[in-house]
Amino acid sequence: MRPLLPAILVAFMAPACASAPAPVAGTTTVEVTAAYRERILLPPGHVLIVRIEDVSLADAPATTLAEMRVALDGRAPPYPVTFSIPAGAIDPRHDYAARAEIRDATGALRFTTDTRHSVLTRGAGLRADIVMVGVG
């Protein structure tokens, strides 16, 4: 007759092994540097807006994962911005991109991103150096 103990242990351990481990708490830091090529200093009232967006769906608008607004008030580029993103908000199956824009005091767009700057997943890294282009 075989002992029952190994069968009983397997029966009790199987449900514990089948459950997924709890997510690890923490944050991921993404560094973005935004600049423009024109050799001008913007007057006060201009605002830099930098976003980290989920761009996974080609046929749908991007959703914003994180956003930061910085009053430029006479500062010269480049403009560094650092994001701390909760690890639980990042889906490794998704694609994320950093984008930047500068708006004047009336809200009119002056500079914007015209290329994709991938970050966070699929080997993209945690840094984006954005050179914006002038609008209008």
Protein backbone atom coordinates (compact mmCIF):
# COMPACT_ATOMS: atom_id res chain seq x y z
CA MET A 1 0.00 0.00 0.00
CA ARG A 2 1.31 3.45 -0.94
CA PRO A 3 1.38 6.30 1.56
CA LEU A 4 -1.31 8.99 1.07
CA LEU A 5 0.78 11.88 2.31
CA PRO A 6 2.30 12.94 -1.06
CA ALA A 7 -1.14 12.95 -2.72
CA ILE A 8 -2.61 15.04 0.11
CA LEU A 9 0.26 17.57 -0.10
CA VAL A 10 -0.20 17.92 -3.86
CA ALA A 11 -3.95 18.49 -3.39
CA PHE A 12 -3.34 21.29 -0.88
CA MET A 13 -0.46 22.92 -2.75
CA ALA A 14 -2.02 23.01 -6.22
CA PRO A 15 -4.47 25.88 -5.55
CA ALA A 16 -1.70 27.97 -3.98
CA CYS A 17 0.58 27.46 -6.98
CA ALA A 18 -2.15 28.24 -9.49
CA SER A 19 -2.82 31.78 -8.23
CA ALA A 20 -0.87 34.68 -9.78
CA PRO A 21 1.61 36.51 -7.59
CA ALA A 22 0.55 39.89 -6.24
CA PRO A 23 1.80 42.88 -8.28
CA VAL A 24 4.91 44.56 -6.94
CA ALA A 25 4.34 48.11 -5.74
CA GLY A 26 6.60 50.82 -7.06
CA THR A 27 7.09 53.44 -9.71
CA THR A 28 8.91 53.76 -13.00
CA THR A 29 10.74 57.00 -13.77
CA VAL A 30 10.59 58.40 -17.30
CA GLU A 31 12.81 61.36 -18.24
CA VAL A 32 11.81 63.60 -21.13
CA THR A 33 13.77 66.52 -22.55
CA ALA A 34 11.86 68.89 -24.84
CA ALA A 35 13.41 71.56 -27.07
CA TYR A 36 12.85 73.44 -30.33
CA ARG A 37 15.40 74.41 -32.99
CA GLU A 38 14.48 78.06 -33.41
CA ARG A 39 16.91 80.38 -31.68
CA ILE A 40 14.28 82.41 -29.88
CA LEU A 41 13.29 82.95 -26.28
CA LEU A 42 9.54 82.74 -25.80
CA PRO A 43 7.86 85.60 -23.94
CA PRO A 44 6.16 84.97 -20.58
CA GLY A 45 2.85 83.14 -20.65
CA HIS A 46 3.99 80.11 -22.66
CA VAL A 47 3.40 76.65 -21.20
CA LEU A 48 5.13 73.36 -22.00
CA ILE A 49 2.82 70.35 -21.86
CA VAL A 50 4.46 66.91 -21.82
CA ARG A 51 2.46 63.68 -21.87
CA ILE A 52 3.11 59.97 -21.69
CA GLU A 53 0.36 58.36 -23.78
CA ASP A 54 -0.86 54.84 -24.46
CA VAL A 55 -0.73 54.65 -28.26
CA SER A 56 -1.56 50.95 -28.59
CA LEU A 57 -4.70 51.32 -30.68
CA ALA A 58 -4.10 52.68 -34.17
CA ASP A 59 -7.76 53.47 -34.80
CA ALA A 60 -8.50 55.19 -31.47
CA PRO A 61 -7.26 58.36 -29.75
CA ALA A 62 -4.31 57.93 -27.41
CA THR A 63 -5.09 57.85 -23.71
CA THR A 64 -2.96 59.93 -21.35
CA LEU A 65 -1.03 57.96 -18.75
CA ALA A 66 0.71 61.02 -17.23
CA GLU A 67 0.83 64.75 -17.97
CA MET A 68 2.93 67.65 -16.72
CA ARG A 69 2.55 71.38 -17.42
CA VAL A 70 5.51 73.71 -16.94
CA ALA A 71 5.33 77.52 -17.16
CA LEU A 72 8.33 78.56 -19.25
CA ASP A 73 8.44 82.23 -18.15
CA GLY A 74 11.61 83.20 -19.97
CA ARG A 75 13.48 79.93 -19.56
CA ALA A 76 15.53 78.73 -22.52
CA PRO A 77 15.35 75.18 -23.89
CA PRO A 78 16.00 72.33 -23.38
CA TYR A 79 13.27 71.70 -20.82
CA PRO A 80 13.71 68.58 -18.66
CA VAL A 81 10.62 66.84 -17.24
CA THR A 82 10.59 63.74 -15.03
CA PHE A 83 7.58 61.47 -14.54
CA SER A 84 7.04 58.89 -11.80
CA ILE A 85 4.52 56.41 -13.16
CA PRO A 86 2.97 53.73 -10.93
CA ALA A 87 4.17 50.31 -12.06
CA GLY A 88 0.60 49.02 -11.97
CA ALA A 89 -0.46 51.54 -14.63
CA ILE A 90 1.96 50.13 -17.22
CA ASP A 91 0.76 47.22 -19.34
CA PRO A 92 3.75 45.46 -20.96
CA ARG A 93 1.53 44.47 -23.90
CA HIS A 94 0.83 48.12 -24.77
CA ASP A 95 2.85 50.78 -26.60
CA TYR A 96 3.59 54.12 -24.94
CA ALA A 97 4.98 57.36 -26.36
CA ALA A 98 6.10 60.73 -25.02
CA ARG A 99 4.88 63.89 -26.71
CA ALA A 100 5.35 67.58 -26.03
CA GLU A 101 3.80 70.87 -27.08
CA ILE A 102 4.12 74.54 -26.20
CA ARG A 103 1.09 76.81 -26.06
CA ASP A 104 0.99 80.58 -25.66
CA ALA A 105 -1.05 82.56 -23.12
CA THR A 106 -4.19 82.35 -25.31
CA GLY A 107 -3.87 78.56 -25.62
CA ALA A 108 -2.70 78.67 -29.25
CA LEU A 109 -0.30 75.92 -30.25
CA ARG A 110 3.23 77.23 -31.01
CA PHE A 111 5.38 74.06 -31.06
CA THR A 112 4.53 70.35 -31.13
CA THR A 113 5.94 66.86 -31.52
CA ASP A 114 5.93 65.54 -35.08
CA THR A 115 7.57 62.16 -34.53
CA ARG A 116 6.87 59.25 -32.24
CA HIS A 117 9.07 58.90 -29.15
CA SER A 118 8.44 55.43 -27.72
CA VAL A 119 9.01 54.83 -24.01
CA LEU A 120 8.42 52.22 -21.28
CA THR A 121 7.69 48.95 -23.11
CA ARG A 122 8.93 46.73 -25.93
CA GLY A 123 12.56 47.71 -25.39
CA ALA A 124 11.89 51.45 -25.82
CA GLY A 125 13.67 52.66 -22.69
CA LEU A 126 12.87 55.25 -20.07
CA ARG A 127 14.11 58.41 -21.81
CA ALA A 128 12.89 60.57 -24.69
CA ASP A 129 14.65 63.56 -26.26
CA ILE A 130 12.02 65.51 -28.18
CA VAL A 131 12.71 68.26 -30.69
CA MET A 132 9.44 70.05 -31.38
CA VAL A 133 8.58 71.80 -34.65
CA GLY A 134 7.02 75.24 -35.03
CA VAL A 135 3.32 75.54 -35.89
CA GLY A 136 1.89 78.25 -38.14
